[in-house]
């Protein structure tokens, strides 16, 4: 196990992680620290526990919103697939016919 120093709201925390995951942990900490920083700008220093709680809730809210958008996109993609079933083959057939017509005209000249 690796040990990493991360900084959140100008405080250093020692955190362990699997070997090779140190950079990822630093990225996650930086992301979270930016959320904390935004809340400090808005609310001031309101205590570490409350600051961490509000920041965690903000990140969870973003996660839930992203999950909802992904589910909506998956749902709309499935609906689109059933509506356009066979559409690609019809387009290819039409293009093939057009190419054959052009080839035939060129052959006649």
N, C-alpha and C. Protein backbone atom coordinates (compact mmCIF):
# COMPACT_ATOMS: atom_id res chain seq x y z
N UNK A 1 0.85 -1.18 0.00
CA UNK A 1 0.00 0.00 0.00
C UNK A 1 0.89 1.25 0.00
N UNK A 2 0.48 2.21 -0.81
CA UNK A 2 1.21 3.47 -0.89
C UNK A 2 0.53 4.49 0.02
N UNK A 3 1.32 5.44 0.48
CA UNK A 3 0.77 6.51 1.30
C UNK A 3 0.99 7.83 0.56
N UNK A 4 -0.06 8.63 0.49
CA UNK A 4 -0.03 9.87 -0.27
C UNK A 4 -0.47 11.01 0.63
N UNK A 5 0.22 12.13 0.51
CA UNK A 5 -0.22 13.35 1.18
C UNK A 5 -1.11 14.11 0.21
N UNK A 6 -2.35 14.36 0.63
CA UNK A 6 -3.25 15.17 -0.19
C UNK A 6 -3.57 16.44 0.58
N UNK A 7 -3.89 17.48 -0.17
CA UNK A 7 -4.20 18.76 0.46
C UNK A 7 -5.63 19.14 0.15
N UNK A 8 -6.39 19.36 1.21
CA UNK A 8 -7.77 19.83 1.09
C UNK A 8 -7.91 21.05 1.99
N UNK A 9 -8.32 22.15 1.41
CA UNK A 9 -8.52 23.40 2.15
C UNK A 9 -7.27 23.78 2.95
N UNK A 10 -6.13 23.68 2.29
CA UNK A 10 -4.83 24.04 2.87
C UNK A 10 -4.43 23.17 4.06
N UNK A 11 -5.00 22.01 4.18
CA UNK A 11 -4.60 21.04 5.22
C UNK A 11 -4.10 19.78 4.53
N UNK A 12 -3.07 19.20 5.11
CA UNK A 12 -2.49 17.99 4.55
C UNK A 12 -3.08 16.78 5.27
N UNK A 13 -3.50 15.80 4.49
CA UNK A 13 -4.03 14.53 5.02
C UNK A 13 -3.20 13.40 4.43
N UNK A 14 -2.83 12.45 5.25
CA UNK A 14 -2.14 11.25 4.77
C UNK A 14 -3.19 10.19 4.47
N UNK A 15 -3.14 9.67 3.25
CA UNK A 15 -4.13 8.70 2.80
C UNK A 15 -3.40 7.54 2.17
N UNK A 16 -3.86 6.33 2.43
CA UNK A 16 -3.26 5.16 1.79
C UNK A 16 -4.10 4.76 0.58
N UNK A 17 -3.41 4.16 -0.38
CA UNK A 17 -4.09 3.68 -1.58
C UNK A 17 -3.29 2.52 -2.14
N UNK A 18 -3.86 1.81 -3.09
CA UNK A 18 -3.14 0.73 -3.75
C UNK A 18 -1.94 1.29 -4.50
N UNK A 19 -0.88 0.52 -4.57
CA UNK A 19 0.29 0.93 -5.32
C UNK A 19 -0.12 1.23 -6.76
N UNK A 20 0.41 2.31 -7.30
CA UNK A 20 0.09 2.70 -8.66
C UNK A 20 -1.10 3.63 -8.77
N UNK A 21 -1.83 3.84 -7.69
CA UNK A 21 -3.03 4.70 -7.71
C UNK A 21 -2.76 6.08 -7.13
N UNK A 22 -1.50 6.39 -6.86
CA UNK A 22 -1.16 7.66 -6.21
C UNK A 22 -1.59 8.87 -7.05
N UNK A 23 -1.29 8.83 -8.33
CA UNK A 23 -1.63 9.97 -9.19
C UNK A 23 -3.15 10.15 -9.27
N UNK A 24 -3.86 9.05 -9.37
CA UNK A 24 -5.33 9.14 -9.43
C UNK A 24 -5.88 9.75 -8.14
N UNK A 25 -5.33 9.34 -7.02
CA UNK A 25 -5.77 9.88 -5.74
C UNK A 25 -5.49 11.38 -5.67
N UNK A 26 -4.35 11.80 -6.18
CA UNK A 26 -4.03 13.23 -6.21
C UNK A 26 -5.03 14.00 -7.10
N UNK A 27 -5.40 13.40 -8.23
CA UNK A 27 -6.39 14.04 -9.11
C UNK A 27 -7.73 14.17 -8.41
N UNK A 28 -8.17 13.10 -7.75
CA UNK A 28 -9.44 13.15 -7.03
C UNK A 28 -9.41 14.19 -5.92
N UNK A 29 -8.30 14.24 -5.20
CA UNK A 29 -8.16 15.22 -4.11
C UNK A 29 -8.21 16.64 -4.67
N UNK A 30 -7.55 16.87 -5.80
CA UNK A 30 -7.58 18.19 -6.41
C UNK A 30 -8.98 18.60 -6.82
N UNK A 31 -9.72 17.65 -7.39
CA UNK A 31 -11.10 17.90 -7.79
C UNK A 31 -11.95 18.28 -6.57
N UNK A 32 -11.80 17.50 -5.51
CA UNK A 32 -12.57 17.76 -4.29
C UNK A 32 -12.16 19.08 -3.66
N UNK A 33 -10.85 19.36 -3.65
CA UNK A 33 -10.36 20.61 -3.06
C UNK A 33 -10.92 21.82 -3.79
N UNK A 34 -11.11 21.72 -5.11
CA UNK A 34 -11.71 22.84 -5.84
C UNK A 34 -13.15 23.06 -5.38
N UNK A 35 -13.89 21.99 -5.12
CA UNK A 35 -15.26 22.13 -4.60
C UNK A 35 -15.23 22.80 -3.23
N UNK A 36 -14.33 22.36 -2.40
CA UNK A 36 -14.20 22.95 -1.06
C UNK A 36 -13.87 24.43 -1.20
N UNK A 37 -12.93 24.75 -2.09
CA UNK A 37 -12.53 26.14 -2.29
C UNK A 37 -13.69 27.03 -2.72
N UNK A 38 -14.54 26.51 -3.62
CA UNK A 38 -15.71 27.28 -4.05
C UNK A 38 -16.65 27.55 -2.87
N UNK A 39 -16.84 26.55 -2.03
CA UNK A 39 -17.72 26.75 -0.87
C UNK A 39 -17.11 27.74 0.12
N UNK A 40 -15.80 27.68 0.30
CA UNK A 40 -15.15 28.64 1.20
C UNK A 40 -15.36 30.06 0.68
N UNK A 41 -15.25 30.23 -0.66
CA UNK A 41 -15.48 31.55 -1.24
C UNK A 41 -16.90 32.02 -0.98
N UNK A 42 -17.87 31.11 -1.08
CA UNK A 42 -19.28 31.47 -0.91
C UNK A 42 -19.66 31.65 0.56
N UNK A 43 -19.19 30.72 1.41
CA UNK A 43 -19.68 30.67 2.79
C UNK A 43 -18.67 31.11 3.83
N UNK A 44 -17.41 31.21 3.45
CA UNK A 44 -16.36 31.50 4.43
C UNK A 44 -15.97 30.23 5.16
N UNK A 45 -15.12 30.37 6.14
CA UNK A 45 -14.69 29.22 6.94
C UNK A 45 -15.82 28.87 7.91
N UNK A 46 -16.45 27.73 7.68
CA UNK A 46 -17.60 27.32 8.49
C UNK A 46 -17.29 26.08 9.31
N UNK A 47 -16.01 25.75 9.42
CA UNK A 47 -15.60 24.55 10.14
C UNK A 47 -15.35 23.42 9.17
N UNK A 48 -14.28 22.66 9.44
CA UNK A 48 -13.88 21.59 8.52
C UNK A 48 -14.96 20.54 8.31
N UNK A 49 -15.59 20.10 9.38
CA UNK A 49 -16.58 19.03 9.25
C UNK A 49 -17.75 19.47 8.36
N UNK A 50 -18.27 20.64 8.63
CA UNK A 50 -19.40 21.14 7.83
C UNK A 50 -18.97 21.41 6.39
N UNK A 51 -17.77 21.94 6.21
CA UNK A 51 -17.24 22.22 4.88
C UNK A 51 -17.09 20.93 4.07
N UNK A 52 -16.55 19.90 4.70
CA UNK A 52 -16.37 18.62 4.01
C UNK A 52 -17.73 17.99 3.68
N UNK A 53 -18.67 18.08 4.62
CA UNK A 53 -20.00 17.53 4.38
C UNK A 53 -20.68 18.22 3.21
N UNK A 54 -20.69 19.54 3.19
CA UNK A 54 -21.33 20.27 2.11
C UNK A 54 -20.64 20.02 0.77
N UNK A 55 -19.32 19.93 0.80
CA UNK A 55 -18.59 19.63 -0.43
C UNK A 55 -18.91 18.24 -0.94
N UNK A 56 -18.96 17.27 -0.05
CA UNK A 56 -19.29 15.89 -0.44
C UNK A 56 -20.71 15.83 -1.01
N UNK A 57 -21.63 16.54 -0.40
CA UNK A 57 -23.01 16.56 -0.92
C UNK A 57 -23.07 17.22 -2.30
N UNK A 58 -22.28 18.26 -2.51
CA UNK A 58 -22.22 18.92 -3.82
C UNK A 58 -21.71 17.96 -4.88
N UNK A 59 -20.65 17.22 -4.56
CA UNK A 59 -20.09 16.25 -5.51
C UNK A 59 -21.10 15.13 -5.77
N UNK A 60 -21.78 14.66 -4.74
CA UNK A 60 -22.81 13.63 -4.92
C UNK A 60 -23.94 14.14 -5.80
N UNK A 61 -24.33 15.38 -5.63
CA UNK A 61 -25.38 15.97 -6.47
C UNK A 61 -24.95 15.96 -7.93
N UNK A 62 -23.71 16.34 -8.20
CA UNK A 62 -23.20 16.31 -9.57
C UNK A 62 -23.19 14.89 -10.12
N UNK A 63 -22.79 13.94 -9.29
CA UNK A 63 -22.77 12.54 -9.71
C UNK A 63 -24.18 12.05 -10.06
N UNK A 64 -25.14 12.34 -9.21
CA UNK A 64 -26.52 11.91 -9.47
C UNK A 64 -27.06 12.56 -10.74
N UNK A 65 -26.75 13.83 -10.95
CA UNK A 65 -27.19 14.53 -12.16
C UNK A 65 -26.57 13.88 -13.39
N UNK A 66 -25.30 13.55 -13.32
CA UNK A 66 -24.63 12.91 -14.46
C UNK A 66 -25.23 11.53 -14.73
N UNK A 67 -25.52 10.78 -13.68
CA UNK A 67 -26.15 9.46 -13.85
C UNK A 67 -27.52 9.58 -14.52
N UNK A 68 -28.29 10.58 -14.10
CA UNK A 68 -29.61 10.80 -14.68
C UNK A 68 -29.49 11.12 -16.17
N UNK A 69 -28.54 12.01 -16.51
CA UNK A 69 -28.35 12.36 -17.92
C UNK A 69 -27.91 11.15 -18.73
N UNK A 70 -27.03 10.32 -18.17
CA UNK A 70 -26.59 9.11 -18.88
C UNK A 70 -27.75 8.16 -19.12
N UNK A 71 -28.58 7.97 -18.11
CA UNK A 71 -29.75 7.09 -18.25
C UNK A 71 -30.70 7.62 -19.31
N UNK A 72 -30.91 8.94 -19.33
CA UNK A 72 -31.79 9.53 -20.35
C UNK A 72 -31.21 9.35 -21.74
N UNK A 73 -29.89 9.50 -21.87
CA UNK A 73 -29.26 9.32 -23.17
C UNK A 73 -29.36 7.86 -23.63
N UNK A 74 -29.16 6.93 -22.71
CA UNK A 74 -29.29 5.51 -23.06
C UNK A 74 -30.71 5.19 -23.49
N UNK A 75 -31.68 5.75 -22.78
CA UNK A 75 -33.09 5.51 -23.11
C UNK A 75 -33.42 6.06 -24.49
N UNK A 76 -32.94 7.27 -24.78
CA UNK A 76 -33.24 7.86 -26.09
C UNK A 76 -32.49 7.14 -27.20
N UNK A 77 -31.31 6.62 -26.92
CA UNK A 77 -30.56 5.88 -27.94
C UNK A 77 -31.28 4.58 -28.28
N UNK A 78 -31.84 3.91 -27.28
CA UNK A 78 -32.59 2.67 -27.54
C UNK A 78 -33.82 2.96 -28.38
N UNK A 79 -34.53 4.04 -28.08
CA UNK A 79 -35.72 4.40 -28.86
C UNK A 79 -35.33 4.73 -30.29
N UNK A 80 -34.24 5.41 -30.46
CA UNK A 80 -33.78 5.77 -31.80
C UNK A 80 -33.43 4.53 -32.60
N UNK A 81 -32.76 3.57 -31.96
CA UNK A 81 -32.37 2.35 -32.67
C UNK A 81 -33.58 1.60 -33.21
N UNK A 82 -34.64 1.48 -32.43
CA UNK A 82 -35.80 0.74 -32.90
C UNK A 82 -36.51 1.49 -34.04
N UNK A 83 -36.48 2.80 -34.03
CA UNK A 83 -37.14 3.60 -35.06
C UNK A 83 -36.37 3.57 -36.38
N UNK A 84 -35.06 3.40 -36.29
CA UNK A 84 -34.25 3.46 -37.51
C UNK A 84 -33.76 2.09 -37.95
N UNK A 85 -34.37 1.05 -37.40
CA UNK A 85 -33.95 -0.31 -37.76
C UNK A 85 -34.04 -0.49 -39.26
N UNK A 86 -32.97 -0.94 -39.84
CA UNK A 86 -32.91 -1.15 -41.28
C UNK A 86 -32.62 0.11 -42.07
N UNK A 87 -32.57 1.23 -41.42
CA UNK A 87 -32.32 2.49 -42.11
C UNK A 87 -30.96 2.53 -42.79
N UNK A 88 -29.97 2.01 -42.14
CA UNK A 88 -28.62 2.03 -42.71
C UNK A 88 -28.56 1.18 -43.97
N UNK A 89 -29.19 0.03 -43.95
CA UNK A 89 -29.16 -0.82 -45.14
C UNK A 89 -29.91 -0.19 -46.30
N UNK A 90 -31.00 0.54 -46.00
CA UNK A 90 -31.72 1.24 -47.07
C UNK A 90 -30.87 2.34 -47.69
N UNK A 91 -30.12 3.04 -46.87
CA UNK A 91 -29.24 4.09 -47.37
C UNK A 91 -28.14 3.48 -48.23
N UNK A 92 -27.57 2.38 -47.77
CA UNK A 92 -26.52 1.70 -48.54
C UNK A 92 -27.07 1.19 -49.86
N UNK A 93 -28.26 0.60 -49.84
CA UNK A 93 -28.88 0.11 -51.08
C UNK A 93 -29.13 1.25 -52.05
N UNK A 94 -29.61 2.37 -51.55
CA UNK A 94 -29.86 3.53 -52.41
C UNK A 94 -28.56 4.05 -53.00
N UNK A 95 -27.52 4.13 -52.19
CA UNK A 95 -26.22 4.60 -52.68
C UNK A 95 -25.66 3.64 -53.71
N UNK A 96 -25.81 2.34 -53.47
CA UNK A 96 -25.33 1.34 -54.43
C UNK A 96 -26.06 1.48 -55.75
N UNK A 97 -27.37 1.66 -55.71
CA UNK A 97 -28.15 1.84 -56.93
C UNK A 97 -27.68 3.08 -57.69
N UNK A 98 -27.43 4.15 -56.97
CA UNK A 98 -26.98 5.39 -57.60
C UNK A 98 -25.62 5.21 -58.25
N UNK A 99 -24.71 4.52 -57.57
CA UNK A 99 -23.38 4.25 -58.13
C UNK A 99 -23.50 3.37 -59.37
N UNK A 100 -24.38 2.38 -59.31
CA UNK A 100 -24.60 1.52 -60.48
C UNK A 100 -25.14 2.31 -61.67
N UNK A 101 -26.07 3.24 -61.43
CA UNK A 101 -26.61 4.09 -62.49
C UNK A 101 -25.50 4.93 -63.13
N UNK A 102 -24.67 5.53 -62.30
CA UNK A 102 -23.59 6.36 -62.81
C UNK A 102 -22.60 5.51 -63.60
N UNK A 103 -22.29 4.33 -63.08
CA UNK A 103 -21.37 3.45 -63.76
C UNK A 103 -21.93 3.02 -65.12
N UNK A 104 -23.22 2.76 -65.17
CA UNK A 104 -23.88 2.37 -66.41
C UNK A 104 -23.82 3.50 -67.43
N UNK A 105 -24.08 4.70 -67.01
CA UNK A 105 -24.03 5.87 -67.91
C UNK A 105 -22.62 6.07 -68.45
N UNK A 106 -21.63 5.93 -67.58
CA UNK A 106 -20.25 6.11 -68.00
C UNK A 106 -19.83 5.01 -68.98
N UNK A 107 -20.34 3.80 -68.79
CA UNK A 107 -20.02 2.69 -69.67
C UNK A 107 -20.62 2.91 -71.05
N UNK A 108 -21.80 3.52 -71.09
CA UNK A 108 -22.49 3.75 -72.38
C UNK A 108 -21.78 4.81 -73.21
N UNK A 109 -21.06 5.69 -72.59
CA UNK A 109 -20.38 6.78 -73.34
C UNK A 109 -19.08 6.31 -73.84
